[in-house]
PDB file of all heavy atoms in Angstrom:
ATOM      1  N   GLY A   1      -8.724   9.370   8.393  1.00  0.00           N
ATOM      2  CA  GLY A   1      -9.563  10.539   8.489  1.00  0.00           C
ATOM      3  C   GLY A   1     -10.158  10.919   7.151  1.00  0.00           C
ATOM      4  O   GLY A   1     -10.439  12.129   6.839  1.00  0.00           O
ATOM      5  N   ILE A   2     -10.359   9.879   6.322  1.00  0.00           N
ATOM      6  CA  ILE A   2     -11.004  10.107   4.982  1.00  0.00           C
ATOM      7  C   ILE A   2     -12.117   9.156   4.740  1.00  0.00           C
ATOM      8  O   ILE A   2     -12.312   8.234   5.538  1.00  0.00           O
ATOM      9  CB  ILE A   2      -9.908  10.009   3.780  1.00  0.00           C
ATOM     10  CG1 ILE A   2      -9.356   8.590   3.901  1.00  0.00           C
ATOM     11  CG2 ILE A   2      -8.803  11.062   3.996  1.00  0.00           C
ATOM     12  CD1 ILE A   2      -8.361   8.275   2.728  1.00  0.00           C
ATOM     13  N   THR A   3     -12.807   9.282   3.620  1.00  0.00           N
ATOM     14  CA  THR A   3     -13.852   8.250   3.302  1.00  0.00           C
ATOM     15  C   THR A   3     -13.213   7.170   2.432  1.00  0.00           C
ATOM     16  O   THR A   3     -12.145   7.339   1.869  1.00  0.00           O
ATOM     17  CB  THR A   3     -14.935   8.926   2.422  1.00  0.00           C
ATOM     18  OG1 THR A   3     -14.389   9.437   1.195  1.00  0.00           O
ATOM     19  CG2 THR A   3     -15.577  10.121   3.252  1.00  0.00           C
ATOM     20  N   LYS A   4     -13.939   6.050   2.399  1.00  0.00           N
ATOM     21  CA  LYS A   4     -13.373   4.926   1.637  1.00  0.00           C
ATOM     22  C   LYS A   4     -13.255   5.262   0.115  1.00  0.00           C
ATOM     23  O   LYS A   4     -12.222   4.849  -0.526  1.00  0.00           O
ATOM     24  CB  LYS A   4     -14.243   3.699   1.804  1.00  0.00           C
ATOM     25  CG  LYS A   4     -13.587   2.419   1.350  1.00  0.00           C
ATOM     26  CD  LYS A   4     -14.090   1.176   2.006  1.00  0.00           C
ATOM     27  CE  LYS A   4     -15.495   0.846   1.499  1.00  0.00           C
ATOM     28  NZ  LYS A   4     -15.969  -0.523   1.880  1.00  0.00           N
ATOM     29  N   PRO A   5     -14.199   6.033  -0.459  1.00  0.00           N
ATOM     30  CA  PRO A   5     -13.916   6.331  -1.934  1.00  0.00           C
ATOM     31  C   PRO A   5     -12.647   7.111  -2.191  1.00  0.00           C
ATOM     32  O   PRO A   5     -12.015   6.892  -3.148  1.00  0.00           O
ATOM     33  CB  PRO A   5     -15.160   7.148  -2.220  1.00  0.00           C
ATOM     34  CG  PRO A   5     -16.289   6.665  -1.298  1.00  0.00           C
ATOM     35  CD  PRO A   5     -15.510   6.374  -0.036  1.00  0.00           C
ATOM     36  N   ILE A   6     -12.262   7.996  -1.234  1.00  0.00           N
ATOM     37  CA  ILE A   6     -10.952   8.634  -1.436  1.00  0.00           C
ATOM     38  C   ILE A   6      -9.792   7.663  -1.311  1.00  0.00           C
ATOM     39  O   ILE A   6      -8.854   7.743  -2.065  1.00  0.00           O
ATOM     40  CB  ILE A   6     -10.829   9.834  -0.363  1.00  0.00           C
ATOM     41  CG1 ILE A   6     -11.817  10.909  -0.624  1.00  0.00           C
ATOM     42  CG2 ILE A   6      -9.428  10.367  -0.373  1.00  0.00           C
ATOM     43  CD1 ILE A   6     -11.879  11.931   0.418  1.00  0.00           C
ATOM     44  N   LEU A   7      -9.895   6.702  -0.392  1.00  0.00           N
ATOM     45  CA  LEU A   7      -8.848   5.646  -0.298  1.00  0.00           C
ATOM     46  C   LEU A   7      -8.775   4.864  -1.601  1.00  0.00           C
ATOM     47  O   LEU A   7      -7.722   4.577  -2.126  1.00  0.00           O
ATOM     48  CB  LEU A   7      -9.172   4.749   0.902  1.00  0.00           C
ATOM     49  CG  LEU A   7      -8.033   3.812   1.295  1.00  0.00           C
ATOM     50  CD1 LEU A   7      -6.790   4.532   1.740  1.00  0.00           C
ATOM     51  CD2 LEU A   7      -8.523   2.892   2.463  1.00  0.00           C
ATOM     52  N   TYR A   8      -9.896   4.564  -2.117  1.00  0.00           N
ATOM     53  CA  TYR A   8      -9.930   3.827  -3.451  1.00  0.00           C
ATOM     54  C   TYR A   8      -9.308   4.646  -4.530  1.00  0.00           C
ATOM     55  O   TYR A   8      -8.739   4.091  -5.465  1.00  0.00           O
ATOM     56  CB  TYR A   8     -11.429   3.438  -3.838  1.00  0.00           C
ATOM     57  CG  TYR A   8     -12.008   2.241  -3.130  1.00  0.00           C
ATOM     58  CD1 TYR A   8     -13.284   2.309  -2.545  1.00  0.00           C
ATOM     59  CD2 TYR A   8     -11.249   1.101  -2.978  1.00  0.00           C
ATOM     60  CE1 TYR A   8     -13.770   1.200  -1.956  1.00  0.00           C
ATOM     61  CE2 TYR A   8     -11.756  -0.023  -2.319  1.00  0.00           C
ATOM     62  CZ  TYR A   8     -13.087   0.048  -1.809  1.00  0.00           C
ATOM     63  OH  TYR A   8     -13.571  -1.047  -1.181  1.00  0.00           O
ATOM     64  N   ARG A   9      -9.529   6.004  -4.507  1.00  0.00           N
ATOM     65  CA  ARG A   9      -8.942   6.841  -5.519  1.00  0.00           C
ATOM     66  C   ARG A   9      -7.420   6.756  -5.479  1.00  0.00           C
ATOM     67  O   ARG A   9      -6.787   6.919  -6.577  1.00  0.00           O
ATOM     68  CB  ARG A   9      -9.399   8.258  -5.225  1.00  0.00           C
ATOM     69  CG  ARG A   9      -9.065   9.281  -6.374  1.00  0.00           C
ATOM     70  CD  ARG A   9      -9.460  10.644  -5.991  1.00  0.00           C
ATOM     71  NE  ARG A   9     -10.880  10.744  -5.529  1.00  0.00           N
ATOM     72  CZ  ARG A   9     -11.336  11.678  -4.681  1.00  0.00           C
ATOM     73  NH1 ARG A   9     -10.447  12.649  -4.330  1.00  0.00           N
ATOM     74  NH2 ARG A   9     -12.528  11.684  -4.304  1.00  0.00           N
ATOM     75  N   HIS A  10      -6.887   6.546  -4.412  1.00  0.00           N
ATOM     76  CA  HIS A  10      -5.392   6.446  -4.318  1.00  0.00           C
ATOM     77  C   HIS A  10      -4.884   5.071  -4.630  1.00  0.00           C
ATOM     78  O   HIS A  10      -3.763   4.976  -5.214  1.00  0.00           O
ATOM     79  CB  HIS A  10      -4.895   6.888  -2.883  1.00  0.00           C
ATOM     80  CG  HIS A  10      -4.962   8.327  -2.559  1.00  0.00           C
ATOM     81  ND1 HIS A  10      -3.934   9.120  -2.897  1.00  0.00           N
ATOM     82  CD2 HIS A  10      -5.962   9.085  -2.063  1.00  0.00           C
ATOM     83  CE1 HIS A  10      -4.208  10.403  -2.546  1.00  0.00           C
ATOM     84  NE2 HIS A  10      -5.370  10.385  -1.995  1.00  0.00           N
ATOM     85  N   PHE A  11      -5.580   4.070  -4.292  1.00  0.00           N
ATOM     86  CA  PHE A  11      -5.066   2.672  -4.396  1.00  0.00           C
ATOM     87  C   PHE A  11      -5.919   1.728  -5.283  1.00  0.00           C
ATOM     88  O   PHE A  11      -5.468   0.715  -5.589  1.00  0.00           O
ATOM     89  CB  PHE A  11      -4.875   2.092  -3.041  1.00  0.00           C
ATOM     90  CG  PHE A  11      -3.887   2.762  -2.146  1.00  0.00           C
ATOM     91  CD1 PHE A  11      -4.353   3.651  -1.175  1.00  0.00           C
ATOM     92  CD2 PHE A  11      -2.547   2.695  -2.355  1.00  0.00           C
ATOM     93  CE1 PHE A  11      -3.442   4.321  -0.332  1.00  0.00           C
ATOM     94  CE2 PHE A  11      -1.661   3.385  -1.541  1.00  0.00           C
ATOM     95  CZ  PHE A  11      -2.074   4.190  -0.567  1.00  0.00           C
ATOM     96  N   GLY A  12      -7.046   2.156  -5.693  1.00  0.00           N
ATOM     97  CA  GLY A  12      -7.886   1.366  -6.543  1.00  0.00           C
ATOM     98  C   GLY A  12      -8.819   0.422  -5.730  1.00  0.00           C
ATOM     99  O   GLY A  12      -9.962   0.525  -5.867  1.00  0.00           O
ATOM    100  N   ASP A  13      -8.227  -0.546  -5.015  1.00  0.00           N
ATOM    101  CA  ASP A  13      -8.918  -1.470  -4.210  1.00  0.00           C
ATOM    102  C   ASP A  13      -7.991  -1.972  -3.128  1.00  0.00           C
ATOM    103  O   ASP A  13      -6.844  -1.501  -3.037  1.00  0.00           O
ATOM    104  CB  ASP A  13      -9.497  -2.554  -5.061  1.00  0.00           C
ATOM    105  CG  ASP A  13      -8.437  -3.339  -5.824  1.00  0.00           C
ATOM    106  OD1 ASP A  13      -7.239  -3.200  -5.584  1.00  0.00           O
ATOM    107  OD2 ASP A  13      -8.828  -4.104  -6.795  1.00  0.00           O
ATOM    108  N   LYS A  14      -8.414  -2.963  -2.328  1.00  0.00           N
ATOM    109  CA  LYS A  14      -7.602  -3.509  -1.282  1.00  0.00           C
ATOM    110  C   LYS A  14      -6.305  -4.132  -1.866  1.00  0.00           C
ATOM    111  O   LYS A  14      -5.288  -4.148  -1.273  1.00  0.00           O
ATOM    112  CB  LYS A  14      -8.345  -4.421  -0.425  1.00  0.00           C
ATOM    113  CG  LYS A  14      -7.576  -4.718   0.892  1.00  0.00           C
ATOM    114  CD  LYS A  14      -8.357  -5.517   1.832  1.00  0.00           C
ATOM    115  CE  LYS A  14      -7.604  -5.731   3.139  1.00  0.00           C
ATOM    116  NZ  LYS A  14      -8.299  -6.625   4.092  1.00  0.00           N
ATOM    117  N   GLY A  15      -6.496  -4.755  -3.096  1.00  0.00           N
ATOM    118  CA  GLY A  15      -5.292  -5.343  -3.758  1.00  0.00           C
ATOM    119  C   GLY A  15      -4.254  -4.267  -4.023  1.00  0.00           C
ATOM    120  O   GLY A  15      -3.077  -4.464  -3.867  1.00  0.00           O
ATOM    121  N   GLY A  16      -4.671  -3.106  -4.488  1.00  0.00           N
ATOM    122  CA  GLY A  16      -3.722  -2.057  -4.734  1.00  0.00           C
ATOM    123  C   GLY A  16      -2.995  -1.531  -3.545  1.00  0.00           C
ATOM    124  O   GLY A  16      -1.836  -1.262  -3.525  1.00  0.00           O
ATOM    125  N   LEU A  17      -3.845  -1.422  -2.417  1.00  0.00           N
ATOM    126  CA  LEU A  17      -3.272  -1.026  -1.114  1.00  0.00           C
ATOM    127  C   LEU A  17      -2.238  -2.150  -0.641  1.00  0.00           C
ATOM    128  O   LEU A  17      -1.197  -1.825  -0.126  1.00  0.00           O
ATOM    129  CB  LEU A  17      -4.396  -0.847  -0.115  1.00  0.00           C
ATOM    130  CG  LEU A  17      -3.870  -0.448   1.296  1.00  0.00           C
ATOM    131  CD1 LEU A  17      -3.151   0.848   1.309  1.00  0.00           C
ATOM    132  CD2 LEU A  17      -5.133  -0.433   2.245  1.00  0.00           C
ATOM    133  N   TYR A  18      -2.670  -3.420  -0.790  1.00  0.00           N
ATOM    134  CA  TYR A  18      -1.778  -4.494  -0.416  1.00  0.00           C
ATOM    135  C   TYR A  18      -0.430  -4.433  -1.102  1.00  0.00           C
ATOM    136  O   TYR A  18       0.626  -4.525  -0.545  1.00  0.00           O
ATOM    137  CB  TYR A  18      -2.435  -5.834  -0.711  1.00  0.00           C
ATOM    138  CG  TYR A  18      -1.568  -7.039  -0.546  1.00  0.00           C
ATOM    139  CD1 TYR A  18      -1.547  -7.726   0.670  1.00  0.00           C
ATOM    140  CD2 TYR A  18      -0.712  -7.478  -1.549  1.00  0.00           C
ATOM    141  CE1 TYR A  18      -0.668  -8.873   0.796  1.00  0.00           C
ATOM    142  CE2 TYR A  18       0.184  -8.473  -1.341  1.00  0.00           C
ATOM    143  CZ  TYR A  18       0.136  -9.161  -0.217  1.00  0.00           C
ATOM    144  OH  TYR A  18       0.992 -10.260  -0.004  1.00  0.00           O
ATOM    145  N   ARG A  19      -0.484  -4.164  -2.414  1.00  0.00           N
ATOM    146  CA  ARG A  19       0.757  -4.133  -3.229  1.00  0.00           C
ATOM    147  C   ARG A  19       1.629  -2.955  -2.740  1.00  0.00           C
ATOM    148  O   ARG A  19       2.843  -3.069  -2.666  1.00  0.00           O
ATOM    149  CB  ARG A  19       0.401  -4.011  -4.665  1.00  0.00           C
ATOM    150  CG  ARG A  19      -0.098  -5.293  -5.278  1.00  0.00           C
ATOM    151  CD  ARG A  19      -0.226  -5.228  -6.793  1.00  0.00           C
ATOM    152  NE  ARG A  19      -1.277  -4.336  -7.243  1.00  0.00           N
ATOM    153  CZ  ARG A  19      -2.575  -4.617  -7.307  1.00  0.00           C
ATOM    154  NH1 ARG A  19      -3.007  -5.866  -7.023  1.00  0.00           N
ATOM    155  NH2 ARG A  19      -3.518  -3.764  -7.722  1.00  0.00           N
ATOM    156  N   ALA A  20       0.986  -1.828  -2.404  1.00  0.00           N
ATOM    157  CA  ALA A  20       1.838  -0.675  -1.988  1.00  0.00           C
ATOM    158  C   ALA A  20       2.458  -1.007  -0.637  1.00  0.00           C
ATOM    159  O   ALA A  20       3.639  -0.698  -0.422  1.00  0.00           O
ATOM    160  CB  ALA A  20       0.888   0.523  -1.850  1.00  0.00           C
ATOM    161  N   LEU A  21       1.711  -1.644   0.295  1.00  0.00           N
ATOM    162  CA  LEU A  21       2.267  -1.998   1.606  1.00  0.00           C
ATOM    163  C   LEU A  21       3.328  -3.073   1.471  1.00  0.00           C
ATOM    164  O   LEU A  21       4.318  -3.068   2.162  1.00  0.00           O
ATOM    165  CB  LEU A  21       1.152  -2.473   2.558  1.00  0.00           C
ATOM    166  CG  LEU A  21       0.244  -1.450   3.148  1.00  0.00           C
ATOM    167  CD1 LEU A  21      -0.925  -2.126   3.905  1.00  0.00           C
ATOM    168  CD2 LEU A  21       0.975  -0.576   4.137  1.00  0.00           C
ATOM    169  N   ALA A  22       3.098  -3.953   0.496  1.00  0.00           N
ATOM    170  CA  ALA A  22       4.060  -5.118   0.301  1.00  0.00           C
ATOM    171  C   ALA A  22       5.381  -4.535  -0.186  1.00  0.00           C
ATOM    172  O   ALA A  22       6.443  -4.910   0.288  1.00  0.00           O
ATOM    173  CB  ALA A  22       3.491  -6.051  -0.704  1.00  0.00           C
ATOM    174  N   LYS A  23       5.303  -3.598  -1.103  1.00  0.00           N
ATOM    175  CA  LYS A  23       6.523  -2.909  -1.551  1.00  0.00           C
ATOM    176  C   LYS A  23       7.252  -2.194  -0.449  1.00  0.00           C
ATOM    177  O   LYS A  23       8.417  -2.218  -0.346  1.00  0.00           O
ATOM    178  CB  LYS A  23       6.219  -1.961  -2.789  1.00  0.00           C
ATOM    179  CG  LYS A  23       7.436  -1.347  -3.359  1.00  0.00           C
ATOM    180  CD  LYS A  23       7.130  -0.432  -4.554  1.00  0.00           C
ATOM    181  CE  LYS A  23       8.433   0.060  -5.147  1.00  0.00           C
ATOM    182  NZ  LYS A  23       9.351   0.740  -4.243  1.00  0.00           N
ATOM    183  N   ARG A  24       6.476  -1.478   0.348  1.00  0.00           N
ATOM    184  CA  ARG A  24       7.043  -0.696   1.427  1.00  0.00           C
ATOM    185  C   ARG A  24       7.837  -1.542   2.369  1.00  0.00           C
ATOM    186  O   ARG A  24       8.957  -1.306   2.736  1.00  0.00           O
ATOM    187  CB  ARG A  24       5.861   0.048   2.165  1.00  0.00           C
ATOM    188  CG  ARG A  24       6.272   0.810   3.385  1.00  0.00           C
ATOM    189  CD  ARG A  24       4.955   1.387   4.025  1.00  0.00           C
ATOM    190  NE  ARG A  24       5.165   2.097   5.249  1.00  0.00           N
ATOM    191  CZ  ARG A  24       5.330   3.373   5.382  1.00  0.00           C
ATOM    192  NH1 ARG A  24       5.273   4.154   4.272  1.00  0.00           N
ATOM    193  NH2 ARG A  24       5.454   3.977   6.488  1.00  0.00           N
ATOM    194  N   HIS A  25       7.208  -2.719   2.788  1.00  0.00           N
ATOM    195  CA  HIS A  25       7.851  -3.603   3.769  1.00  0.00           C
ATOM    196  C   HIS A  25       8.974  -4.406   3.086  1.00  0.00           C
ATOM    197  O   HIS A  25       9.960  -4.744   3.785  1.00  0.00           O
ATOM    198  CB  HIS A  25       6.823  -4.439   4.439  1.00  0.00           C
ATOM    199  CG  HIS A  25       5.965  -3.709   5.375  1.00  0.00           C
ATOM    200  ND1 HIS A  25       6.476  -3.357   6.634  1.00  0.00           N
ATOM    201  CD2 HIS A  25       4.793  -3.182   5.314  1.00  0.00           C
ATOM    202  CE1 HIS A  25       5.516  -2.671   7.331  1.00  0.00           C
ATOM    203  NE2 HIS A  25       4.499  -2.562   6.542  1.00  0.00           N
ATOM    204  N   THR A  26       8.748  -4.782   1.850  1.00  0.00           N
ATOM    205  CA  THR A  26       9.803  -5.606   1.168  1.00  0.00           C
ATOM    206  C   THR A  26      11.061  -4.702   0.903  1.00  0.00           C
ATOM    207  O   THR A  26      12.170  -5.201   1.101  1.00  0.00           O
ATOM    208  CB  THR A  26       9.289  -6.131  -0.176  1.00  0.00           C
ATOM    209  OG1 THR A  26       8.088  -6.958   0.044  1.00  0.00           O
ATOM    210  CG2 THR A  26      10.309  -6.973  -0.870  1.00  0.00           C
ATOM    211  N   ASP A  27      10.821  -3.452   0.593  1.00  0.00           N
ATOM    212  CA  ASP A  27      12.003  -2.587   0.376  1.00  0.00           C
ATOM    213  C   ASP A  27      12.799  -2.457   1.679  1.00  0.00           C
ATOM    214  O   ASP A  27      14.010  -2.528   1.679  1.00  0.00           O
ATOM    215  CB  ASP A  27      11.573  -1.157  -0.008  1.00  0.00           C
ATOM    216  CG  ASP A  27      11.048  -1.029  -1.447  1.00  0.00           C
ATOM    217  OD1 ASP A  27      11.302  -2.029  -2.216  1.00  0.00           O
ATOM    218  OD2 ASP A  27      10.470  -0.018  -1.724  1.00  0.00           O
ATOM    219  N   ALA A  28      12.092  -2.333   2.806  1.00  0.00           N
ATOM    220  CA  ALA A  28      12.780  -2.260   4.110  1.00  0.00           C
ATOM    221  C   ALA A  28      13.515  -3.591   4.474  1.00  0.00           C
ATOM    222  O   ALA A  28      14.654  -3.537   4.903  1.00  0.00           O
ATOM    223  CB  ALA A  28      11.753  -1.968   5.187  1.00  0.00           C
ATOM    224  N   LEU A  29      12.837  -4.635   4.149  1.00  0.00           N
ATOM    225  CA  LEU A  29      13.490  -5.920   4.473  1.00  0.00           C
ATOM    226  C   LEU A  29      14.670  -6.162   3.574  1.00  0.00           C
ATOM    227  O   LEU A  29      15.784  -6.609   4.070  1.00  0.00           O
ATOM    228  CB  LEU A  29      12.506  -7.105   4.204  1.00  0.00           C
ATOM    229  CG  LEU A  29      13.002  -8.526   4.390  1.00  0.00           C
ATOM    230  CD1 LEU A  29      13.441  -8.735   5.784  1.00  0.00           C
ATOM    231  CD2 LEU A  29      11.847  -9.525   4.127  1.00  0.00           C
ATOM    232  N   LEU A  30      14.637  -5.869   2.292  1.00  0.00           N
ATOM    233  CA  LEU A  30      15.746  -6.044   1.409  1.00  0.00           C
ATOM    234  C   LEU A  30      16.946  -5.199   1.797  1.00  0.00           C
ATOM    235  O   LEU A  30      18.064  -5.592   1.773  1.00  0.00           O
ATOM    236  CB  LEU A  30      15.328  -5.727  -0.037  1.00  0.00           C
ATOM    237  CG  LEU A  30      14.468  -6.823  -0.727  1.00  0.00           C
ATOM    238  CD1 LEU A  30      13.957  -6.264  -2.053  1.00  0.00           C
ATOM    239  CD2 LEU A  30      15.337  -8.059  -0.990  1.00  0.00           C
ATOM    240  N   SER A  31      16.629  -3.945   2.280  1.00  0.00           N
ATOM    241  CA  SER A  31      17.705  -3.053   2.753  1.00  0.00           C
ATOM    242  C   SER A  31      18.381  -3.749   3.953  1.00  0.00           C
ATOM    243  O   SER A  31      19.654  -3.726   4.084  1.00  0.00           O
ATOM    244  CB  SER A  31      17.108  -1.684   3.102  1.00  0.00           C
ATOM    245  OG  SER A  31      18.146  -0.867   3.664  1.00  0.00           O
ATOM    246  N   ALA A  32      17.566  -4.261   4.906  1.00  0.00           N
ATOM    247  CA  ALA A  32      18.178  -4.916   6.071  1.00  0.00           C
ATOM    248  C   ALA A  32      19.005  -6.166   5.733  1.00  0.00           C
ATOM    249  O   ALA A  32      20.024  -6.426   6.286  1.00  0.00           O
ATOM    250  CB  ALA A  32      17.030  -5.278   7.047  1.00  0.00           C
ATOM    251  N   LEU A  33      18.477  -6.927   4.740  1.00  0.00           N
ATOM    252  CA  LEU A  33      19.263  -8.169   4.307  1.00  0.00           C
ATOM    253  C   LEU A  33      20.512  -7.743   3.631  1.00  0.00           C
ATOM    254  O   LEU A  33      21.501  -8.420   3.835  1.00  0.00           O
ATOM    255  CB  LEU A  33      18.365  -8.974   3.373  1.00  0.00           C
ATOM    256  CG  LEU A  33      17.082  -9.578   3.946  1.00  0.00           C
ATOM    257  CD1 LEU A  33      16.275 -10.247   2.870  1.00  0.00           C
ATOM    258  CD2 LEU A  33      17.514 -10.703   4.953  1.00  0.00           C
TER     259      LEU A  33
END
């Protein structure tokens, strides 16, 4: 429910968003392991 520039402000670009998602899912996987 926001504009793309606001999303960029939080994550920089898709690479920044990817890294944040990767950390989120890797943290969960490591906890399960």
